[in-house]
Every structure is written in structure tokens, then in C-alpha cells.
Amino acid sequence: MKKERIIIGISGATGIQYGIKALQLLKSTELETHLVISKSAELVRNYETDFTREEILSLADNVYTPQDIGASIASGSFKTKGMLIAPCSVKTMSEIATGVTSSLVSRAADVILKERRRLVLMFRETPLHLGHIQTMEKVTQMGAIVMPPVPAFYSQPKTVDDIVTFSVARALDLFDLDIDIPRWEK
């Protein structure tokens, strides 16, 4: 029996830490990870982290270049649990909403939607104008889940990493994955 798979897309919005954390958390699961990082995300990596490109790529089981629109993750016959884009930029979300895809990140997301699989977008933009809201509405109507990484403070985070971990674990919850995080209990 083949391992279940999940695609992780990292686009060029601020917050590359969310995509990195997703890969780190998925290491403790049985899922096979398939990673694609946009060209813009490579620029953001230099500004926001001390991670090298190689360190990030080593967290995934399979890695694709953003221009490789013929990659296996761009085909509906490539079965997955779905795709998490963390972070998701306005550009990437807009490409998904229109079906006009210019990279493997948006092409793989388009395929996920057409196959009726789970697509979670950790949309990283604020404040929002009406166009952003309408685009979020459109991708939601298409079947995606827009999940901005909004922190929860009932977990009493002590570090930025605690906040990032909690947000990513909540996004992975949407794939029926049980990542160990503080849960609301009363």
C-alpha cells in the first residue's frame, strides 16, 4: 500500500516560517511530502529566516521547481490528501481564483480543486480591500479553505514559534491530521 501524500506550497508572502513549520510537523507523520517553493518565496526566505534553501528542501520527501508545470503534482491522477499553501500570497490566491496559473504552486492548487481535494490557503495579507475579499469568496466557492494564520492566545504562547506552530497545526487539522498542540478545554 502506498503512503498518503500531501503537497506543501510556499508562495512569496511574508511568513515563510509557516511553510517551514508545516514541513517540520509533517516529519512526525506517515505522510509523504511534496514541496514547491515559488521564486518570490526564495527572496522572502533571505529576508525572514536563517534557513538555507537546502535546509528547507531537506524537510520534504519530494521537491519540484516552480516552473515545472509538467511535474506529477500538476496531474489529477497523482493522488494526494490535498495541498496546503503556507503562506499564500495575494498573487497565488488570485491565480487560483481565476484558473490562470503561472507556476507550479498555482497549477497544483488548480488541480487539487478540480479533483475536489482539500486545498487550504494560509492567506497572508492585511489590511484587506474589496478585491481581496472577493477573491477569498471566489476560492471558497470553488472549494478551497481560506485560513489566515490568526494566533490563539488561550494556549498561552511563550515564543513566536509557539504561535507559528499553533497556526500551522490548526491548518493541518483540516487534513484530519492530529498534531499535538494545546486544545481548548473548559
C-alpha atoms as a PDB file:
ATOM      1  CA  MET A   1       0.000   0.000   0.000  1.00  0.00           C
ATOM      2  CA  LYS A   2       1.354   3.419  -0.969  1.00  0.00           C
ATOM      3  CA  LYS A   3       1.875   6.184   1.561  1.00  0.00           C
ATOM      4  CA  GLU A   4      -0.617   9.007   1.585  1.00  0.00           C
ATOM      5  CA  ARG A   5       0.740  12.243   0.165  1.00  0.00           C
ATOM      6  CA  ILE A   6       0.324  15.957   0.826  1.00  0.00           C
ATOM      7  CA  ILE A   7       1.552  18.906  -1.216  1.00  0.00           C
ATOM      8  CA  ILE A   8       3.073  21.916   0.510  1.00  0.00           C
ATOM      9  CA  GLY A   9       3.286  25.118  -1.484  1.00  0.00           C
ATOM     10  CA  ILE A  10       5.253  28.078  -0.217  1.00  0.00           C
ATOM     11  CA  SER A  11       4.468  31.333  -2.009  1.00  0.00           C
ATOM     12  CA  GLY A  12       6.080  34.757  -1.773  1.00  0.00           C
ATOM     13  CA  ALA A  13       4.031  36.333   1.006  1.00  0.00           C
ATOM     14  CA  THR A  14       5.677  37.180   4.292  1.00  0.00           C
ATOM     15  CA  GLY A  15       5.575  34.243   6.681  1.00  0.00           C
ATOM     16  CA  ILE A  16       7.727  31.560   5.048  1.00  0.00           C
ATOM     17  CA  GLN A  17       8.034  30.227   8.615  1.00  0.00           C
ATOM     18  CA  TYR A  18       4.525  28.762   8.225  1.00  0.00           C
ATOM     19  CA  GLY A  19       5.574  26.572   5.318  1.00  0.00           C
ATOM     20  CA  ILE A  20       8.778  25.523   7.042  1.00  0.00           C
ATOM     21  CA  LYS A  21       6.866  24.656  10.219  1.00  0.00           C
ATOM     22  CA  ALA A  22       4.364  22.595   8.206  1.00  0.00           C
ATOM     23  CA  LEU A  23       7.211  20.525   6.783  1.00  0.00           C
ATOM     24  CA  GLN A  24       8.753  20.112  10.239  1.00  0.00           C
ATOM     25  CA  LEU A  25       5.456  18.980  11.782  1.00  0.00           C
ATOM     26  CA  LEU A  26       4.722  16.605   8.909  1.00  0.00           C
ATOM     27  CA  LYS A  27       8.049  14.819   9.542  1.00  0.00           C
ATOM     28  CA  SER A  28       6.385  13.136  12.538  1.00  0.00           C
ATOM     29  CA  THR A  29       3.574  11.726  10.375  1.00  0.00           C
ATOM     30  CA  GLU A  30       3.393   8.910   7.861  1.00  0.00           C
ATOM     31  CA  LEU A  31       2.592  11.329   5.031  1.00  0.00           C
ATOM     32  CA  GLU A  32       4.874  11.699   2.045  1.00  0.00           C
ATOM     33  CA  THR A  33       5.511  15.420   1.478  1.00  0.00           C
ATOM     34  CA  HIS A  34       5.738  17.099  -1.928  1.00  0.00           C
ATOM     35  CA  LEU A  35       7.139  20.626  -1.863  1.00  0.00           C
ATOM     36  CA  VAL A  36       7.156  23.501  -4.329  1.00  0.00           C
ATOM     37  CA  ILE A  37       8.543  26.924  -3.416  1.00  0.00           C
ATOM     38  CA  SER A  38       7.810  29.938  -5.607  1.00  0.00           C
ATOM     39  CA  LYS A  39      10.577  32.207  -6.876  1.00  0.00           C
ATOM     40  CA  SER A  40       9.234  35.032  -4.708  1.00  0.00           C
ATOM     41  CA  ALA A  41       9.351  32.780  -1.641  1.00  0.00           C
ATOM     42  CA  GLU A  42      13.067  32.308  -2.253  1.00  0.00           C
ATOM     43  CA  LEU A  43      13.529  36.072  -1.913  1.00  0.00           C
ATOM     44  CA  VAL A  44      11.425  36.167   1.245  1.00  0.00           C
ATOM     45  CA  ARG A  45      13.484  33.331   2.747  1.00  0.00           C
ATOM     46  CA  ASN A  46      16.564  35.533   2.594  1.00  0.00           C
ATOM     47  CA  TYR A  47      14.835  38.337   4.487  1.00  0.00           C
ATOM     48  CA  GLU A  48      12.898  36.360   7.076  1.00  0.00           C
ATOM     49  CA  THR A  49      14.917  33.329   8.123  1.00  0.00           C
ATOM     50  CA  ASP A  50      18.361  31.926   8.656  1.00  0.00           C
ATOM     51  CA  PHE A  51      17.332  28.718   6.852  1.00  0.00           C
ATOM     52  CA  THR A  52      19.256  27.888   3.707  1.00  0.00           C
ATOM     53  CA  ARG A  53      17.400  26.694   0.645  1.00  0.00           C
ATOM     54  CA  GLU A  54      18.946  23.262   1.112  1.00  0.00           C
ATOM     55  CA  GLU A  55      17.772  23.040   4.732  1.00  0.00           C
ATOM     56  CA  ILE A  56      14.183  23.714   3.699  1.00  0.00           C
ATOM     57  CA  LEU A  57      14.300  21.310   0.757  1.00  0.00           C
ATOM     58  CA  SER A  58      15.697  18.571   3.013  1.00  0.00           C
ATOM     59  CA  LEU A  59      12.497  18.667   5.079  1.00  0.00           C
ATOM     60  CA  ALA A  60      10.441  17.339   2.141  1.00  0.00           C
ATOM     61  CA  ASP A  61      10.342  13.884   0.613  1.00  0.00           C
ATOM     62  CA  ASN A  62       9.980  15.294  -2.917  1.00  0.00           C
ATOM     63  CA  VAL A  63      10.801  18.737  -4.286  1.00  0.00           C
ATOM     64  CA  TYR A  64       9.740  20.435  -7.520  1.00  0.00           C
ATOM     65  CA  THR A  65      10.872  23.629  -9.230  1.00  0.00           C
ATOM     66  CA  PRO A  66       8.215  26.343  -9.596  1.00  0.00           C
ATOM     67  CA  GLN A  67       8.396  26.343 -13.396  1.00  0.00           C
ATOM     68  CA  ASP A  68       7.946  22.546 -13.735  1.00  0.00           C
ATOM     69  CA  ILE A  69       4.265  22.573 -14.700  1.00  0.00           C
ATOM     70  CA  GLY A  70       4.675  19.015 -16.011  1.00  0.00           C
ATOM     71  CA  ALA A  71       5.505  17.685 -12.530  1.00  0.00           C
ATOM     72  CA  SER A  72       3.454  14.832 -11.092  1.00  0.00           C
ATOM     73  CA  ILE A  73       1.694  17.181  -8.620  1.00  0.00           C
ATOM     74  CA  ALA A  74       0.233  19.025 -11.641  1.00  0.00           C
ATOM     75  CA  SER A  75      -1.791  15.951 -12.631  1.00  0.00           C
ATOM     76  CA  GLY A  76      -5.154  14.877 -11.271  1.00  0.00           C
ATOM     77  CA  SER A  77      -4.033  11.246 -11.482  1.00  0.00           C
ATOM     78  CA  PHE A  78      -1.447  11.970  -8.759  1.00  0.00           C
ATOM     79  CA  LYS A  79      -3.482  11.172  -5.648  1.00  0.00           C
ATOM     80  CA  THR A  80      -2.989  13.257  -2.511  1.00  0.00           C
ATOM     81  CA  LYS A  81      -4.820  14.237   0.662  1.00  0.00           C
ATOM     82  CA  GLY A  82      -4.630  17.764  -0.706  1.00  0.00           C
ATOM     83  CA  MET A  83      -2.463  20.842  -0.597  1.00  0.00           C
ATOM     84  CA  LEU A  84      -1.505  23.454   1.963  1.00  0.00           C
ATOM     85  CA  ILE A  85      -0.146  26.773   0.722  1.00  0.00           C
ATOM     86  CA  ALA A  86       1.655  28.390   3.622  1.00  0.00           C
ATOM     87  CA  PRO A  87       1.953  31.294   3.295  1.00  0.00           C
ATOM     88  CA  CYS A  88      -0.401  32.129   0.448  1.00  0.00           C
ATOM     89  CA  SER A  89       0.203  35.420  -1.334  1.00  0.00           C
ATOM     90  CA  VAL A  90      -2.429  37.611  -2.963  1.00  0.00           C
ATOM     91  CA  LYS A  91      -0.933  36.743  -6.359  1.00  0.00           C
ATOM     92  CA  THR A  92      -1.162  32.997  -5.760  1.00  0.00           C
ATOM     93  CA  MET A  93      -4.718  33.186  -4.412  1.00  0.00           C
ATOM     94  CA  SER A  94      -5.736  35.348  -7.387  1.00  0.00           C
ATOM     95  CA  GLU A  95      -4.241  32.888  -9.871  1.00  0.00           C
ATOM     96  CA  ILE A  96      -6.128  30.047  -8.195  1.00  0.00           C
ATOM     97  CA  ALA A  97      -9.376  32.045  -8.238  1.00  0.00           C
ATOM     98  CA  THR A  98      -9.111  32.745 -11.970  1.00  0.00           C
ATOM     99  CA  GLY A  99      -7.628  29.428 -13.096  1.00  0.00           C
ATOM    100  CA  VAL A 100      -4.884  31.371 -14.885  1.00  0.00           C
ATOM    101  CA  THR A 101      -1.881  29.673 -13.351  1.00  0.00           C
ATOM    102  CA  SER A 102       1.685  30.836 -13.979  1.00  0.00           C
ATOM    103  CA  SER A 103       3.655  28.483 -11.738  1.00  0.00           C
ATOM    104  CA  LEU A 104       3.567  25.012 -10.302  1.00  0.00           C
ATOM    105  CA  VAL A 105       2.229  26.321  -6.972  1.00  0.00           C
ATOM    106  CA  SER A 106      -0.959  27.699  -8.529  1.00  0.00           C
ATOM    107  CA  ARG A 107      -1.202  24.890 -11.121  1.00  0.00           C
ATOM    108  CA  ALA A 108      -1.051  22.185  -8.436  1.00  0.00           C
ATOM    109  CA  ALA A 109      -3.693  24.069  -6.420  1.00  0.00           C
ATOM    110  CA  ASP A 110      -5.898  24.291  -9.517  1.00  0.00           C
ATOM    111  CA  VAL A 111      -5.618  20.518  -9.958  1.00  0.00           C
ATOM    112  CA  ILE A 112      -6.456  19.933  -6.281  1.00  0.00           C
ATOM    113  CA  LEU A 113      -9.665  21.934  -6.722  1.00  0.00           C
ATOM    114  CA  LYS A 114     -10.711  20.227  -9.954  1.00  0.00           C
ATOM    115  CA  GLU A 115     -10.211  16.838  -8.292  1.00  0.00           C
ATOM    116  CA  ARG A 116     -12.299  18.008  -5.291  1.00  0.00           C
ATOM    117  CA  ARG A 117      -9.478  17.514  -2.823  1.00  0.00           C
ATOM    118  CA  ARG A 118      -8.673  19.673   0.206  1.00  0.00           C
ATOM    119  CA  LEU A 119      -6.933  22.985  -0.510  1.00  0.00           C
ATOM    120  CA  VAL A 120      -6.003  25.178   2.469  1.00  0.00           C
ATOM    121  CA  LEU A 121      -4.656  28.678   1.867  1.00  0.00           C
ATOM    122  CA  MET A 122      -2.879  30.368   4.760  1.00  0.00           C
ATOM    123  CA  PHE A 123      -3.554  33.788   3.245  1.00  0.00           C
ATOM    124  CA  ARG A 124      -1.069  36.391   4.481  1.00  0.00           C
ATOM    125  CA  GLU A 125      -2.248  39.896   3.779  1.00  0.00           C
ATOM    126  CA  THR A 126      -3.618  42.757   5.847  1.00  0.00           C
ATOM    127  CA  PRO A 127      -5.461  45.060   5.688  1.00  0.00           C
ATOM    128  CA  LEU A 128      -7.833  43.798   3.017  1.00  0.00           C
ATOM    129  CA  HIS A 129      -9.529  45.690   0.211  1.00  0.00           C
ATOM    130  CA  LEU A 130     -12.713  44.567  -1.508  1.00  0.00           C
ATOM    131  CA  GLY A 131     -10.789  42.750  -4.259  1.00  0.00           C
ATOM    132  CA  HIS A 132      -9.034  40.550  -1.687  1.00  0.00           C
ATOM    133  CA  ILE A 133     -12.338  39.739  -0.010  1.00  0.00           C
ATOM    134  CA  GLN A 134     -13.993  38.921  -3.338  1.00  0.00           C
ATOM    135  CA  THR A 135     -11.069  36.690  -4.296  1.00  0.00           C
ATOM    136  CA  MET A 136     -11.320  34.867  -0.943  1.00  0.00           C
ATOM    137  CA  GLU A 137     -15.033  34.410  -1.588  1.00  0.00           C
ATOM    138  CA  LYS A 138     -14.366  33.032  -5.065  1.00  0.00           C
ATOM    139  CA  VAL A 139     -11.779  30.446  -3.966  1.00  0.00           C
ATOM    140  CA  THR A 140     -14.057  29.442  -1.087  1.00  0.00           C
ATOM    141  CA  GLN A 141     -16.928  28.888  -3.521  1.00  0.00           C
ATOM    142  CA  MET A 142     -14.542  26.771  -5.606  1.00  0.00           C
ATOM    143  CA  GLY A 143     -13.858  24.525  -2.605  1.00  0.00           C
ATOM    144  CA  ALA A 144     -10.730  25.980  -1.008  1.00  0.00           C
ATOM    145  CA  ILE A 145     -10.471  26.862   2.663  1.00  0.00           C
ATOM    146  CA  VAL A 146      -9.002  30.286   3.371  1.00  0.00           C
ATOM    147  CA  MET A 147      -7.282  30.156   6.738  1.00  0.00           C
ATOM    148  CA  PRO A 148      -5.312  33.242   7.671  1.00  0.00           C
ATOM    149  CA  PRO A 149      -2.741  32.397  10.351  1.00  0.00           C
ATOM    150  CA  VAL A 150      -4.513  34.121  13.226  1.00  0.00           C
ATOM    151  CA  PRO A 151      -2.958  33.380  16.619  1.00  0.00           C
ATOM    152  CA  ALA A 152      -4.909  31.940  19.517  1.00  0.00           C
ATOM    153  CA  PHE A 153      -3.806  33.104  22.921  1.00  0.00           C
ATOM    154  CA  TYR A 154      -5.656  30.579  25.100  1.00  0.00           C
ATOM    155  CA  SER A 155      -2.662  28.325  24.503  1.00  0.00           C
ATOM    156  CA  GLN A 156      -0.545  30.975  26.270  1.00  0.00           C
ATOM    157  CA  PRO A 157       2.264  31.064  23.692  1.00  0.00           C
ATOM    158  CA  LYS A 158       5.685  31.996  25.016  1.00  0.00           C
ATOM    159  CA  THR A 159       7.505  32.433  21.705  1.00  0.00           C
ATOM    160  CA  VAL A 160       6.825  33.364  18.107  1.00  0.00           C
ATOM    161  CA  ASP A 161       7.498  29.716  17.274  1.00  0.00           C
ATOM    162  CA  ASP A 162       4.647  28.703  19.618  1.00  0.00           C
ATOM    163  CA  ILE A 163       2.302  30.989  17.662  1.00  0.00           C
ATOM    164  CA  VAL A 164       3.500  29.697  14.286  1.00  0.00           C
ATOM    165  CA  THR A 165       3.278  26.067  15.422  1.00  0.00           C
ATOM    166  CA  PHE A 166      -0.270  26.513  16.706  1.00  0.00           C
ATOM    167  CA  SER A 167      -1.462  28.170  13.481  1.00  0.00           C
ATOM    168  CA  VAL A 168       0.120  25.517  11.258  1.00  0.00           C
ATOM    169  CA  ALA A 169      -1.164  22.646  13.398  1.00  0.00           C
ATOM    170  CA  ARG A 170      -4.683  24.102  13.104  1.00  0.00           C
ATOM    171  CA  ALA A 171      -4.257  24.212   9.318  1.00  0.00           C
ATOM    172  CA  LEU A 172      -3.110  20.569   9.337  1.00  0.00           C
ATOM    173  CA  ASP A 173      -6.205  19.713  11.409  1.00  0.00           C
ATOM    174  CA  LEU A 174      -8.150  20.460   8.234  1.00  0.00           C
ATOM    175  CA  PHE A 175      -6.500  17.409   6.639  1.00  0.00           C
ATOM    176  CA  ASP A 176      -7.571  15.216   9.599  1.00  0.00           C
ATOM    177  CA  LEU A 177      -4.035  15.164  10.959  1.00  0.00           C
ATOM    178  CA  ASP A 178      -3.623  15.159  14.707  1.00  0.00           C
ATOM    179  CA  ILE A 179      -0.658  17.327  15.601  1.00  0.00           C
ATOM    180  CA  ASP A 180      -0.060  17.677  19.329  1.00  0.00           C
ATOM    181  CA  ILE A 181      -0.922  21.266  20.350  1.00  0.00           C
ATOM    182  CA  PRO A 182      -2.791  22.783  23.274  1.00  0.00           C
ATOM    183  CA  ARG A 183      -6.527  22.427  22.610  1.00  0.00           C
ATOM    184  CA  TRP A 184      -9.389  24.432  24.024  1.00  0.00           C
ATOM    185  CA  GLU A 185     -10.761  22.672  27.059  1.00  0.00           C
ATOM    186  CA  LYS A 186     -13.173  24.073  29.585  1.00  0.00           C
END
